[in-house]
Protein backbone atom coordinates (compact mmCIF):
# COMPACT_ATOMS: atom_id res chain seq x y z
CA UNK A 1 -22.95 -39.61 53.39
CA UNK A 2 -20.98 -36.39 53.23
CA UNK A 3 -21.43 -33.43 55.54
CA UNK A 4 -20.71 -30.02 54.02
CA UNK A 5 -21.31 -26.42 55.03
CA UNK A 6 -23.49 -24.80 52.35
CA UNK A 7 -24.09 -21.14 51.60
CA UNK A 8 -27.64 -20.75 52.94
CA UNK A 9 -28.50 -17.83 50.62
CA UNK A 10 -27.25 -19.67 47.53
CA UNK A 11 -29.12 -22.80 48.56
CA UNK A 12 -32.34 -20.83 49.12
CA UNK A 13 -32.02 -19.25 45.65
CA UNK A 14 -31.35 -22.63 44.08
CA UNK A 15 -34.38 -24.14 45.82
CA UNK A 16 -36.58 -21.28 44.51
CA UNK A 17 -35.23 -21.63 40.97
CA UNK A 18 -35.70 -25.39 41.07
CA UNK A 19 -39.31 -24.92 42.08
CA UNK A 20 -39.08 -27.20 45.06
CA UNK A 21 -37.46 -30.48 45.85
CA UNK A 22 -35.14 -31.35 48.66
CA UNK A 23 -31.78 -29.81 49.44
CA UNK A 24 -30.19 -33.08 48.34
CA UNK A 25 -32.03 -32.97 44.99
CA UNK A 26 -30.97 -29.39 44.32
CA UNK A 27 -27.33 -29.98 45.28
CA UNK A 28 -27.14 -33.13 43.13
CA UNK A 29 -28.72 -31.32 40.17
CA UNK A 30 -26.26 -28.46 40.59
CA UNK A 31 -23.31 -30.86 40.68
CA UNK A 32 -24.51 -32.62 37.50
CA UNK A 33 -25.01 -29.27 35.74
CA UNK A 34 -21.56 -28.10 36.83
CA UNK A 35 -19.88 -31.24 35.51
CA UNK A 36 -21.83 -31.17 32.23
CA UNK A 37 -21.02 -27.48 31.69
CA UNK A 38 -17.31 -28.14 32.12
CA UNK A 39 -17.45 -31.19 29.83
CA UNK A 40 -19.17 -29.06 27.14
CA UNK A 41 -16.58 -26.30 27.58
CA UNK A 42 -13.78 -28.84 27.12
CA UNK A 43 -15.43 -30.15 23.93
CA UNK A 44 -15.81 -26.62 22.55
CA UNK A 45 -12.16 -25.89 23.33
CA UNK A 46 -11.09 -29.10 21.59
CA UNK A 47 -13.17 -28.29 18.50
CA UNK A 48 -11.81 -24.74 18.48
CA UNK A 49 -8.23 -26.03 18.52
CA UNK A 50 -9.06 -28.43 15.68
CA UNK A 51 -10.75 -25.65 13.69
CA UNK A 52 -7.58 -23.58 13.81
CA UNK A 53 -5.92 -26.33 11.77
CA UNK A 54 -8.80 -26.52 9.30
CA UNK A 55 -7.83 -26.15 5.66
CA UNK A 56 -10.78 -25.11 3.49
CA UNK A 57 -8.90 -25.38 0.20
CA UNK A 58 -7.68 -28.86 1.10
CA UNK A 59 -11.22 -29.87 1.98
CA UNK A 60 -12.46 -28.59 -1.40
CA UNK A 61 -9.79 -30.64 -3.20
CA UNK A 62 -10.66 -33.80 -1.26
CA UNK A 63 -14.36 -33.23 -1.89
CA UNK A 64 -13.74 -32.76 -5.61
CA UNK A 65 -11.55 -35.88 -5.72
CA UNK A 66 -14.22 -37.86 -3.88
CA UNK A 67 -16.90 -36.75 -6.33
CA UNK A 68 -14.76 -37.67 -9.33
CA UNK A 69 -13.86 -41.02 -7.78
CA UNK A 70 -17.48 -41.90 -7.04
CA UNK A 71 -18.59 -41.43 -10.64
CA UNK A 72 -20.59 -38.31 -9.88
């Protein structure tokens, strides 16, 4: 068990948005959403960095080579 001091106004808003549930349920849902949002942001950032190295012409050459090599 962990004791924390919560912002009462923020908690009340979260409880209204959640449509009910306990304080514990709302706080746990908020923590999961927070973690998932940051995980998604990290994935987007990683894909963005990879996309900056993307070489369309090289991809076209590899695709063409693959098609020729597969008998297509």
